[in-house]
Amino acid sequence: MNHLKFITLGPSGSNHDHVTSRYLAFHGLHDRATLEFVADFEQGAAAVLDGRADFMVQCAVHPATAATVAKFRRGLFVIDTFISASQDLAIVQRRDVAHPAALAAMRPTLDYIDPGEWERVELVATVAEVTRGLIEGRFGAGLAYASIAATHPECVRTVQFLGTVDDAWIVYGRERTGAARLLAWPESPAAALYRRGA
């Protein structure tokens, strides 16, 4: 069997890393696939198209998704989709900052909270960057991975636990699987709901 290379948005420890690793484990690919990270999806799409990678995984609600599908439609195809819970999120505050005026957050996560509760919101590219920034002291408070409070209790605490959401994810490859027809799973949990009439 050939070794497969998957690409997703970095850095290591990001939600894309977490979910893509779960996807590889689900398909039993950990022994024959590697996962590498890119700084953006344009870079990832180029790597798949020129053969430096075989597949790319992207969260369907990522701000770059529509551009990825449109710009690379002539060679990069959606070959699979799946649903996965994300890493738990929380509003986390540094212990050495008594009253932070700003909240660091990634724009798509702002709908999970009331941003009006903060004097200002500092937009950051990824949740992983917010999490790192809290550890490094660059942010006083942030919407970050909840696990940071357990791994760094000496410097941060959880202000509000938000939990997770179930997101849709897209897998891209060079070989088209849809061929202009509908691909769906007739024995899916959703199909069972439809049969029950729920």
N, C-alpha and C. Protein backbone atom coordinates (compact mmCIF):
# COMPACT_ATOMS: atom_id res chain seq x y z
N MET A 1 0.83 -1.19 0.00
CA MET A 1 0.00 0.00 0.00
C MET A 1 0.87 1.25 0.00
N ASN A 2 0.43 2.27 -0.72
CA ASN A 2 1.17 3.52 -0.78
C ASN A 2 1.02 4.32 0.50
N HIS A 3 2.07 5.07 0.81
CA HIS A 3 2.00 5.99 1.95
C HIS A 3 1.24 7.23 1.50
N LEU A 4 0.35 7.72 2.35
CA LEU A 4 -0.48 8.88 2.01
C LEU A 4 -0.06 10.08 2.84
N LYS A 5 -0.11 11.25 2.21
CA LYS A 5 0.18 12.48 2.94
C LYS A 5 -1.06 13.36 2.97
N PHE A 6 -1.52 13.68 4.19
CA PHE A 6 -2.64 14.59 4.39
C PHE A 6 -2.09 15.93 4.83
N ILE A 7 -2.79 16.98 4.43
CA ILE A 7 -2.40 18.34 4.81
C ILE A 7 -3.61 19.01 5.43
N THR A 8 -3.35 19.83 6.45
CA THR A 8 -4.40 20.66 7.01
C THR A 8 -3.78 21.92 7.60
N LEU A 9 -4.62 22.78 8.11
CA LEU A 9 -4.16 24.05 8.66
C LEU A 9 -3.45 23.83 9.99
N GLY A 10 -2.27 24.42 10.11
CA GLY A 10 -1.53 24.34 11.36
C GLY A 10 -1.91 25.45 12.29
N PRO A 11 -1.23 25.51 13.40
CA PRO A 11 -0.07 24.71 13.79
C PRO A 11 -0.49 23.40 14.44
N SER A 12 0.50 22.63 14.85
CA SER A 12 0.24 21.42 15.63
C SER A 12 -0.56 21.82 16.86
N GLY A 13 -1.58 21.05 17.19
CA GLY A 13 -2.42 21.37 18.34
C GLY A 13 -3.66 22.16 17.97
N SER A 14 -3.76 22.58 16.70
CA SER A 14 -4.93 23.33 16.25
C SER A 14 -6.14 22.40 16.18
N ASN A 15 -7.31 23.00 16.02
CA ASN A 15 -8.52 22.19 15.86
C ASN A 15 -8.45 21.37 14.57
N HIS A 16 -7.86 21.93 13.51
CA HIS A 16 -7.70 21.16 12.27
C HIS A 16 -6.80 19.94 12.50
N ASP A 17 -5.77 20.09 13.29
CA ASP A 17 -4.90 18.96 13.66
C ASP A 17 -5.72 17.92 14.43
N HIS A 18 -6.44 18.36 15.44
CA HIS A 18 -7.24 17.48 16.29
C HIS A 18 -8.25 16.66 15.48
N VAL A 19 -9.02 17.34 14.64
CA VAL A 19 -10.08 16.66 13.88
C VAL A 19 -9.50 15.79 12.77
N THR A 20 -8.48 16.27 12.06
CA THR A 20 -7.89 15.46 11.00
C THR A 20 -7.26 14.20 11.57
N SER A 21 -6.62 14.31 12.73
CA SER A 21 -6.06 13.11 13.39
C SER A 21 -7.15 12.12 13.74
N ARG A 22 -8.30 12.61 14.19
CA ARG A 22 -9.44 11.72 14.48
C ARG A 22 -9.93 11.04 13.20
N TYR A 23 -9.96 11.78 12.10
CA TYR A 23 -10.39 11.24 10.81
C TYR A 23 -9.45 10.13 10.33
N LEU A 24 -8.14 10.37 10.46
CA LEU A 24 -7.16 9.35 10.06
C LEU A 24 -7.31 8.10 10.93
N ALA A 25 -7.52 8.28 12.22
CA ALA A 25 -7.72 7.14 13.12
C ALA A 25 -8.99 6.38 12.77
N PHE A 26 -10.06 7.10 12.45
CA PHE A 26 -11.33 6.48 12.07
C PHE A 26 -11.14 5.55 10.87
N HIS A 27 -10.34 5.99 9.92
CA HIS A 27 -10.10 5.18 8.72
C HIS A 27 -8.92 4.22 8.87
N GLY A 28 -8.33 4.16 10.06
CA GLY A 28 -7.22 3.25 10.29
C GLY A 28 -5.99 3.60 9.48
N LEU A 29 -5.73 4.87 9.28
CA LEU A 29 -4.64 5.30 8.41
C LEU A 29 -3.38 5.75 9.13
N HIS A 30 -3.36 5.74 10.45
CA HIS A 30 -2.20 6.27 11.16
C HIS A 30 -0.89 5.56 10.81
N ASP A 31 -0.96 4.28 10.46
CA ASP A 31 0.28 3.56 10.15
C ASP A 31 0.72 3.76 8.70
N ARG A 32 -0.14 4.34 7.87
CA ARG A 32 0.26 4.54 6.47
C ARG A 32 -0.02 5.94 5.95
N ALA A 33 -0.20 6.88 6.88
CA ALA A 33 -0.42 8.27 6.47
C ALA A 33 0.32 9.21 7.40
N THR A 34 0.77 10.31 6.85
CA THR A 34 1.36 11.37 7.66
C THR A 34 0.49 12.61 7.54
N LEU A 35 0.59 13.45 8.54
CA LEU A 35 -0.16 14.70 8.56
C LEU A 35 0.83 15.85 8.66
N GLU A 36 0.72 16.77 7.71
CA GLU A 36 1.57 17.96 7.72
C GLU A 36 0.70 19.19 7.75
N PHE A 37 1.29 20.30 8.20
CA PHE A 37 0.53 21.53 8.39
C PHE A 37 0.98 22.61 7.43
N VAL A 38 0.01 23.44 7.03
CA VAL A 38 0.28 24.59 6.18
C VAL A 38 -0.22 25.84 6.89
N ALA A 39 0.29 26.99 6.44
CA ALA A 39 -0.09 28.26 7.04
C ALA A 39 -1.45 28.75 6.54
N ASP A 40 -1.83 28.33 5.31
CA ASP A 40 -3.14 28.70 4.77
C ASP A 40 -3.57 27.65 3.75
N PHE A 41 -4.85 27.69 3.39
CA PHE A 41 -5.39 26.65 2.51
C PHE A 41 -4.98 26.82 1.06
N GLU A 42 -4.60 28.00 0.66
CA GLU A 42 -4.09 28.18 -0.70
C GLU A 42 -2.78 27.39 -0.85
N GLN A 43 -1.93 27.48 0.16
CA GLN A 43 -0.67 26.72 0.17
C GLN A 43 -0.97 25.21 0.18
N GLY A 44 -1.97 24.80 0.96
CA GLY A 44 -2.34 23.39 1.02
C GLY A 44 -2.88 22.88 -0.30
N ALA A 45 -3.75 23.67 -0.94
CA ALA A 45 -4.31 23.26 -2.23
C ALA A 45 -3.21 23.11 -3.27
N ALA A 46 -2.27 24.04 -3.28
CA ALA A 46 -1.15 23.96 -4.23
C ALA A 46 -0.34 22.69 -4.00
N ALA A 47 -0.14 22.31 -2.73
CA ALA A 47 0.63 21.10 -2.42
C ALA A 47 -0.08 19.84 -2.93
N VAL A 48 -1.41 19.80 -2.81
CA VAL A 48 -2.15 18.64 -3.33
C VAL A 48 -2.09 18.64 -4.85
N LEU A 49 -2.30 19.78 -5.46
CA LEU A 49 -2.32 19.86 -6.92
C LEU A 49 -0.98 19.50 -7.56
N ASP A 50 0.12 19.86 -6.91
CA ASP A 50 1.41 19.53 -7.54
C ASP A 50 2.01 18.23 -7.02
N GLY A 51 1.22 17.46 -6.23
CA GLY A 51 1.64 16.12 -5.83
C GLY A 51 2.50 16.04 -4.58
N ARG A 52 2.74 17.17 -3.91
CA ARG A 52 3.51 17.12 -2.65
C ARG A 52 2.66 16.57 -1.50
N ALA A 53 1.36 16.52 -1.69
CA ALA A 53 0.43 15.93 -0.71
C ALA A 53 -0.67 15.24 -1.49
N ASP A 54 -1.36 14.31 -0.82
CA ASP A 54 -2.43 13.57 -1.49
C ASP A 54 -3.81 14.13 -1.20
N PHE A 55 -4.03 14.57 0.05
CA PHE A 55 -5.35 15.02 0.48
C PHE A 55 -5.22 16.22 1.40
N MET A 56 -6.29 17.03 1.44
CA MET A 56 -6.33 18.18 2.35
C MET A 56 -7.67 18.16 3.09
N VAL A 57 -7.63 18.49 4.39
CA VAL A 57 -8.84 18.53 5.22
C VAL A 57 -9.06 19.97 5.67
N GLN A 58 -10.33 20.42 5.54
CA GLN A 58 -10.68 21.81 5.86
C GLN A 58 -12.05 21.85 6.54
N CYS A 59 -12.16 22.66 7.59
CA CYS A 59 -13.46 22.86 8.23
C CYS A 59 -14.36 23.61 7.26
N ALA A 60 -15.59 23.14 7.10
CA ALA A 60 -16.50 23.73 6.12
C ALA A 60 -16.87 25.17 6.46
N VAL A 61 -16.78 25.58 7.73
CA VAL A 61 -17.12 26.95 8.09
C VAL A 61 -15.90 27.86 8.15
N HIS A 62 -14.73 27.36 7.77
CA HIS A 62 -13.55 28.21 7.75
C HIS A 62 -13.76 29.33 6.73
N PRO A 63 -13.33 30.56 7.04
CA PRO A 63 -13.54 31.67 6.10
C PRO A 63 -12.95 31.44 4.70
N ALA A 64 -11.97 30.57 4.56
CA ALA A 64 -11.34 30.33 3.25
C ALA A 64 -12.02 29.24 2.43
N THR A 65 -13.05 28.60 2.95
CA THR A 65 -13.63 27.43 2.28
C THR A 65 -14.21 27.77 0.91
N ALA A 66 -15.03 28.79 0.83
CA ALA A 66 -15.66 29.13 -0.47
C ALA A 66 -14.59 29.43 -1.52
N ALA A 67 -13.55 30.16 -1.14
CA ALA A 67 -12.47 30.47 -2.08
C ALA A 67 -11.71 29.22 -2.50
N THR A 68 -11.52 28.29 -1.55
CA THR A 68 -10.81 27.05 -1.87
C THR A 68 -11.57 26.26 -2.94
N VAL A 69 -12.87 26.10 -2.73
CA VAL A 69 -13.68 25.33 -3.67
C VAL A 69 -13.71 26.01 -5.04
N ALA A 70 -13.89 27.33 -5.06
CA ALA A 70 -14.02 28.04 -6.34
C ALA A 70 -12.69 28.17 -7.08
N LYS A 71 -11.66 28.60 -6.40
CA LYS A 71 -10.39 28.90 -7.06
C LYS A 71 -9.71 27.66 -7.62
N PHE A 72 -9.85 26.53 -6.93
CA PHE A 72 -9.11 25.32 -7.33
C PHE A 72 -10.03 24.25 -7.93
N ARG A 73 -11.20 24.65 -8.43
CA ARG A 73 -12.22 23.70 -8.90
C ARG A 73 -11.78 22.85 -10.09
N ARG A 74 -10.73 23.25 -10.78
CA ARG A 74 -10.30 22.52 -11.98
C ARG A 74 -9.35 21.37 -11.68
N GLY A 75 -9.04 21.11 -10.44
CA GLY A 75 -8.13 20.00 -10.17
C GLY A 75 -8.20 19.49 -8.75
N LEU A 76 -8.81 20.29 -7.87
CA LEU A 76 -8.95 19.92 -6.47
C LEU A 76 -10.43 19.65 -6.22
N PHE A 77 -10.76 18.40 -5.89
CA PHE A 77 -12.15 18.00 -5.78
C PHE A 77 -12.52 17.63 -4.34
N VAL A 78 -13.76 17.90 -3.97
CA VAL A 78 -14.28 17.43 -2.69
C VAL A 78 -14.50 15.93 -2.85
N ILE A 79 -13.79 15.14 -2.05
CA ILE A 79 -13.90 13.69 -2.18
C ILE A 79 -14.62 13.04 -1.00
N ASP A 80 -14.74 13.77 0.12
CA ASP A 80 -15.41 13.22 1.30
C ASP A 80 -15.83 14.37 2.20
N THR A 81 -16.84 14.12 3.00
CA THR A 81 -17.26 15.05 4.05
C THR A 81 -17.57 14.24 5.29
N PHE A 82 -17.47 14.88 6.45
CA PHE A 82 -17.80 14.20 7.70
C PHE A 82 -18.16 15.23 8.75
N ILE A 83 -18.70 14.77 9.86
CA ILE A 83 -19.08 15.63 10.99
C ILE A 83 -18.20 15.25 12.16
N SER A 84 -17.66 16.26 12.84
CA SER A 84 -16.85 15.99 14.02
C SER A 84 -17.00 17.11 15.03
N ALA A 85 -17.00 16.74 16.29
CA ALA A 85 -16.95 17.74 17.36
C ALA A 85 -15.58 18.41 17.33
N SER A 86 -15.55 19.67 17.66
CA SER A 86 -14.31 20.42 17.77
C SER A 86 -13.75 20.25 19.18
N GLN A 87 -12.57 20.81 19.42
CA GLN A 87 -12.05 20.84 20.77
C GLN A 87 -12.92 21.78 21.61
N ASP A 88 -13.06 21.47 22.89
CA ASP A 88 -13.82 22.33 23.79
C ASP A 88 -13.20 23.71 23.83
N LEU A 89 -14.06 24.73 23.87
CA LEU A 89 -13.62 26.11 23.95
C LEU A 89 -14.03 26.71 25.29
N ALA A 90 -13.34 27.76 25.68
CA ALA A 90 -13.66 28.47 26.92
C ALA A 90 -13.13 29.89 26.82
N ILE A 91 -13.72 30.78 27.59
CA ILE A 91 -13.10 32.09 27.80
C ILE A 91 -12.11 31.89 28.93
N VAL A 92 -10.86 32.18 28.65
CA VAL A 92 -9.76 31.92 29.58
C VAL A 92 -9.07 33.24 29.89
N GLN A 93 -8.70 33.40 31.14
CA GLN A 93 -8.05 34.65 31.57
C GLN A 93 -6.73 34.34 32.25
N ARG A 94 -5.75 35.20 32.02
CA ARG A 94 -4.48 35.07 32.73
C ARG A 94 -4.68 35.42 34.19
N ARG A 95 -4.01 34.68 35.07
CA ARG A 95 -4.14 34.91 36.51
C ARG A 95 -3.50 36.23 36.94
N ASP A 96 -2.51 36.72 36.16
CA ASP A 96 -1.83 37.95 36.54
C ASP A 96 -2.48 39.21 35.95
N VAL A 97 -3.66 39.05 35.33
CA VAL A 97 -4.41 40.19 34.78
C VAL A 97 -5.76 40.23 35.47
N ALA A 98 -5.95 41.19 36.35
CA ALA A 98 -7.17 41.24 37.16
C ALA A 98 -8.41 41.58 36.35
N HIS A 99 -8.33 42.59 35.50
CA HIS A 99 -9.51 43.03 34.74
C HIS A 99 -9.12 43.30 33.29
N PRO A 100 -9.02 42.26 32.47
CA PRO A 100 -8.64 42.49 31.06
C PRO A 100 -9.71 43.27 30.32
N ALA A 101 -9.29 44.27 29.57
CA ALA A 101 -10.24 45.09 28.81
C ALA A 101 -10.56 44.46 27.46
N ALA A 102 -9.61 43.68 26.92
CA ALA A 102 -9.78 43.10 25.59
C ALA A 102 -9.87 41.58 25.66
N LEU A 103 -10.62 41.04 24.72
CA LEU A 103 -10.72 39.59 24.55
C LEU A 103 -10.11 39.24 23.20
N ALA A 104 -9.13 38.37 23.18
CA ALA A 104 -8.55 37.87 21.93
C ALA A 104 -9.43 36.71 21.44
N ALA A 105 -9.80 36.75 20.17
CA ALA A 105 -10.68 35.71 19.63
C ALA A 105 -10.53 35.61 18.12
N MET A 106 -10.80 34.42 17.61
CA MET A 106 -10.88 34.21 16.17
C MET A 106 -12.29 34.58 15.74
N ARG A 107 -12.43 35.33 14.66
CA ARG A 107 -13.74 35.88 14.25
C ARG A 107 -14.87 34.83 14.23
N PRO A 108 -14.69 33.63 13.65
CA PRO A 108 -15.81 32.69 13.61
C PRO A 108 -16.30 32.22 14.99
N THR A 109 -15.48 32.39 16.03
CA THR A 109 -15.91 31.94 17.36
C THR A 109 -16.69 33.00 18.12
N LEU A 110 -16.77 34.21 17.59
CA LEU A 110 -17.44 35.30 18.31
C LEU A 110 -18.94 35.07 18.50
N ASP A 111 -19.55 34.27 17.62
CA ASP A 111 -20.98 34.00 17.77
C ASP A 111 -21.28 33.09 18.96
N TYR A 112 -20.24 32.50 19.56
CA TYR A 112 -20.44 31.65 20.73
C TYR A 112 -20.66 32.48 22.00
N ILE A 113 -20.36 33.78 21.95
CA ILE A 113 -20.40 34.62 23.13
C ILE A 113 -21.09 35.95 22.81
N ASP A 114 -21.21 36.81 23.82
CA ASP A 114 -21.67 38.18 23.62
C ASP A 114 -20.44 39.08 23.64
N PRO A 115 -19.92 39.46 22.47
CA PRO A 115 -18.69 40.27 22.45
C PRO A 115 -18.88 41.64 23.09
N GLY A 116 -20.13 42.08 23.22
CA GLY A 116 -20.41 43.36 23.83
C GLY A 116 -20.03 43.43 25.31
N GLU A 117 -19.77 42.28 25.92
CA GLU A 117 -19.35 42.25 27.32
C GLU A 117 -17.91 42.71 27.49
N TRP A 118 -17.22 42.90 26.36
CA TRP A 118 -15.81 43.29 26.42
C TRP A 118 -15.65 44.70 25.88
N GLU A 119 -14.70 45.43 26.46
CA GLU A 119 -14.42 46.78 26.00
C GLU A 119 -14.00 46.77 24.53
N ARG A 120 -13.18 45.78 24.17
CA ARG A 120 -12.82 45.59 22.77
C ARG A 120 -12.46 44.13 22.53
N VAL A 121 -12.56 43.74 21.27
CA VAL A 121 -12.20 42.39 20.85
C VAL A 121 -11.01 42.50 19.91
N GLU A 122 -9.97 41.74 20.20
CA GLU A 122 -8.78 41.70 19.35
C GLU A 122 -8.87 40.45 18.49
N LEU A 123 -9.01 40.62 17.18
CA LEU A 123 -9.16 39.47 16.29
C LEU A 123 -7.81 38.82 16.02
N VAL A 124 -7.80 37.51 16.14
CA VAL A 124 -6.59 36.70 15.98
C VAL A 124 -6.90 35.64 14.93
N ALA A 125 -5.90 35.22 14.17
CA ALA A 125 -6.11 34.32 13.03
C ALA A 125 -6.66 32.95 13.41
N THR A 126 -6.19 32.36 14.51
CA THR A 126 -6.63 31.01 14.88
C THR A 126 -6.84 30.91 16.39
N VAL A 127 -7.63 29.92 16.79
CA VAL A 127 -7.82 29.65 18.22
C VAL A 127 -6.50 29.18 18.83
N ALA A 128 -5.72 28.45 18.06
CA ALA A 128 -4.41 28.00 18.55
C ALA A 128 -3.52 29.19 18.88
N GLU A 129 -3.59 30.25 18.07
CA GLU A 129 -2.79 31.45 18.33
C GLU A 129 -3.27 32.17 19.59
N VAL A 130 -4.59 32.21 19.79
CA VAL A 130 -5.13 32.79 21.03
C VAL A 130 -4.59 32.01 22.23
N THR A 131 -4.65 30.70 22.14
CA THR A 131 -4.20 29.84 23.23
C THR A 131 -2.72 30.06 23.53
N ARG A 132 -1.90 30.08 22.49
CA ARG A 132 -0.46 30.35 22.68
C ARG A 132 -0.22 31.73 23.27
N GLY A 133 -0.97 32.72 22.78
CA GLY A 133 -0.82 34.09 23.25
C GLY A 133 -1.15 34.25 24.72
N LEU A 134 -2.11 33.47 25.20
CA LEU A 134 -2.44 33.50 26.64
C LEU A 134 -1.29 32.92 27.46
N ILE A 135 -0.74 31.81 27.00
CA ILE A 135 0.37 31.18 27.71
C ILE A 135 1.58 32.11 27.74
N GLU A 136 1.84 32.77 26.62
CA GLU A 136 3.02 33.64 26.50
C GLU A 136 2.80 35.02 27.12
N GLY A 137 1.58 35.33 27.55
CA GLY A 137 1.31 36.62 28.17
C GLY A 137 1.00 37.74 27.21
N ARG A 138 0.77 37.44 25.92
CA ARG A 138 0.45 38.48 24.94
C ARG A 138 -1.00 38.94 25.06
N PHE A 139 -1.87 38.08 25.60
CA PHE A 139 -3.28 38.42 25.79
C PHE A 139 -3.65 38.23 27.26
N GLY A 140 -4.52 39.11 27.76
CA GLY A 140 -5.00 38.99 29.13
C GLY A 140 -6.17 38.02 29.24
N ALA A 141 -6.98 37.95 28.17
CA ALA A 141 -8.12 37.04 28.13
C ALA A 141 -8.35 36.63 26.69
N GLY A 142 -8.91 35.46 26.50
CA GLY A 142 -9.15 35.01 25.14
C GLY A 142 -10.13 33.87 25.06
N LEU A 143 -10.70 33.71 23.88
CA LEU A 143 -11.57 32.57 23.60
C LEU A 143 -10.65 31.50 23.04
N ALA A 144 -10.33 30.52 23.89
CA ALA A 144 -9.24 29.59 23.61
C ALA A 144 -9.68 28.15 23.81
N TYR A 145 -8.76 27.22 23.56
CA TYR A 145 -9.05 25.82 23.87
C TYR A 145 -9.15 25.66 25.38
N ALA A 146 -10.23 25.02 25.83
CA ALA A 146 -10.48 24.86 27.26
C ALA A 146 -9.37 24.07 27.95
N SER A 147 -8.69 23.21 27.24
CA SER A 147 -7.65 22.36 27.82
C SER A 147 -6.49 23.17 28.39
N ILE A 148 -6.33 24.41 27.97
CA ILE A 148 -5.23 25.24 28.45
C ILE A 148 -5.27 25.41 29.97
N ALA A 149 -6.48 25.46 30.54
CA ALA A 149 -6.60 25.65 31.99
C ALA A 149 -6.07 24.44 32.75
N ALA A 150 -6.16 23.26 32.16
CA ALA A 150 -5.63 22.05 32.81
C ALA A 150 -4.13 21.91 32.59
N THR A 151 -3.64 22.33 31.42
CA THR A 151 -2.22 22.17 31.12
C THR A 151 -1.36 23.32 31.65
N HIS A 152 -1.97 24.48 31.91
CA HIS A 152 -1.22 25.64 32.42
C HIS A 152 -1.98 26.32 33.57
N PRO A 153 -2.34 25.57 34.62
CA PRO A 153 -3.13 26.17 35.70
C PRO A 153 -2.38 27.25 36.48
N GLU A 154 -1.07 27.26 36.34
CA GLU A 154 -0.28 28.27 37.05
C GLU A 154 -0.44 29.66 36.46
N CYS A 155 -0.83 29.74 35.17
CA CYS A 155 -0.92 31.08 34.56
C CYS A 155 -2.30 31.46 34.06
N VAL A 156 -3.22 30.50 33.88
CA VAL A 156 -4.55 30.86 33.38
C VAL A 156 -5.65 30.14 34.16
N ARG A 157 -6.85 30.70 34.04
CA ARG A 157 -8.03 30.07 34.65
C ARG A 157 -9.21 30.20 33.69
N THR A 158 -10.17 29.30 33.81
CA THR A 158 -11.37 29.33 32.98
C THR A 158 -12.36 30.32 33.58
N VAL A 159 -12.84 31.25 32.77
CA VAL A 159 -13.85 32.21 33.18
C VAL A 159 -15.23 31.68 32.82
N GLN A 160 -15.33 31.13 31.60
CA GLN A 160 -16.61 30.57 31.13
C GLN A 160 -16.32 29.40 30.20
N PHE A 161 -16.81 28.23 30.56
CA PHE A 161 -16.66 27.04 29.71
C PHE A 161 -17.74 27.09 28.64
N LEU A 162 -17.36 26.95 27.37
CA LEU A 162 -18.31 27.02 26.26
C LEU A 162 -18.61 25.66 25.65
N GLY A 163 -17.68 24.72 25.76
CA GLY A 163 -17.88 23.40 25.19
C GLY A 163 -17.51 23.33 23.73
N THR A 164 -18.18 22.47 23.01
CA THR A 164 -17.83 22.19 21.62
C THR A 164 -19.02 22.38 20.70
N VAL A 165 -18.76 22.36 19.42
CA VAL A 165 -19.80 22.34 18.40
C VAL A 165 -19.48 21.21 17.44
N ASP A 166 -20.50 20.70 16.76
CA ASP A 166 -20.30 19.71 15.71
C ASP A 166 -20.17 20.48 14.40
N ASP A 167 -19.02 20.35 13.78
CA ASP A 167 -18.77 21.04 12.51
C ASP A 167 -18.76 20.04 11.36
N ALA A 168 -19.05 20.54 10.17
CA ALA A 168 -18.88 19.76 8.95
C ALA A 168 -17.46 19.99 8.44
N TRP A 169 -16.86 18.93 7.91
CA TRP A 169 -15.48 18.97 7.42
C TRP A 169 -15.43 18.45 6.00
N ILE A 170 -14.49 18.97 5.23
CA ILE A 170 -14.34 18.62 3.82
C ILE A 170 -12.96 18.02 3.59
N VAL A 171 -12.92 16.94 2.80
CA VAL A 171 -11.66 16.33 2.40
C VAL A 171 -11.54 16.53 0.89
N TYR A 172 -10.38 17.05 0.46
CA TYR A 172 -10.11 17.31 -0.95
C TYR A 172 -9.04 16.35 -1.47
N GLY A 173 -9.15 16.02 -2.74
CA GLY A 173 -8.14 15.21 -3.40
C GLY A 173 -8.11 15.54 -4.88
N ARG A 174 -7.23 14.87 -5.61
CA ARG A 174 -7.09 15.15 -7.06
C ARG A 174 -8.03 14.32 -7.93
N GLU A 175 -8.57 13.24 -7.38
CA GLU A 175 -9.43 12.35 -8.17
C GLU A 175 -10.88 12.55 -7.75
N ARG A 176 -11.72 12.90 -8.70
CA ARG A 176 -13.12 13.21 -8.41
C ARG A 176 -13.88 11.94 -8.02
N THR A 177 -14.62 12.01 -6.93
CA THR A 177 -15.42 10.86 -6.49
C THR A 177 -16.90 11.05 -6.78
N GLY A 178 -17.34 12.29 -6.94
CA GLY A 178 -18.76 12.57 -7.14
C GLY A 178 -19.23 12.38 -8.56
N ALA A 179 -18.42 12.76 -9.53
CA ALA A 179 -18.75 12.64 -10.97
C ALA A 179 -20.16 13.15 -11.26
N ALA A 180 -20.49 14.33 -10.71
CA ALA A 180 -21.76 15.02 -10.97
C ALA A 180 -22.99 14.26 -10.49
N ARG A 181 -22.80 13.32 -9.58
CA ARG A 181 -23.96 12.64 -9.00
C ARG A 181 -23.97 12.89 -7.50
N LEU A 182 -25.08 12.58 -6.87
CA LEU A 182 -25.21 12.77 -5.43
C LEU A 182 -24.53 11.62 -4.70
N LEU A 183 -23.64 11.95 -3.77
CA LEU A 183 -23.03 10.94 -2.92
C LEU A 183 -23.54 11.15 -1.50
N ALA A 184 -24.25 10.18 -0.97
CA ALA A 184 -24.77 10.26 0.39
C ALA A 184 -24.77 8.87 0.98
N TRP A 185 -24.86 8.80 2.29
CA TRP A 185 -24.80 7.54 3.01
C TRP A 185 -26.22 7.12 3.41
N PRO A 186 -26.79 6.14 2.70
CA PRO A 186 -28.19 5.78 2.95
C PRO A 186 -28.44 5.15 4.31
N GLU A 187 -27.40 4.69 4.98
CA GLU A 187 -27.56 4.11 6.32
C GLU A 187 -27.03 5.04 7.40
N SER A 188 -26.95 6.33 7.10
CA SER A 188 -26.42 7.30 8.05
C SER A 188 -27.38 7.52 9.21
N PRO A 189 -26.91 8.09 10.30
CA PRO A 189 -27.81 8.45 11.39
C PRO A 189 -28.90 9.42 10.93
N ALA A 190 -28.59 10.33 10.00
CA ALA A 190 -29.60 11.24 9.49
C ALA A 190 -30.67 10.47 8.72
N ALA A 191 -30.24 9.49 7.92
CA ALA A 191 -31.21 8.68 7.16
C ALA A 191 -32.15 7.94 8.11
N ALA A 192 -31.63 7.49 9.24
CA ALA A 192 -32.48 6.82 10.23
C ALA A 192 -33.52 7.79 10.79
N LEU A 193 -33.13 9.06 11.00
CA LEU A 193 -34.09 10.07 11.46
C LEU A 193 -35.18 10.29 10.41
N TYR A 194 -34.78 10.34 9.14
CA TYR A 194 -35.76 10.56 8.07
C TYR A 194 -36.76 9.41 8.02
N ARG A 195 -36.25 8.16 8.15
CA ARG A 195 -37.15 7.00 8.11
C ARG A 195 -38.12 6.99 9.28
N ARG A 196 -37.65 7.48 10.44
CA ARG A 196 -38.52 7.56 11.61
C ARG A 196 -39.52 8.70 11.52
N GLY A 197 -39.23 9.65 10.64
CA GLY A 197 -40.11 10.80 10.51
C GLY A 197 -39.87 11.85 11.58
N ALA A 198 -38.67 11.81 12.23
CA ALA A 198 -38.38 12.76 13.32
C ALA A 198 -37.89 14.08 12.77
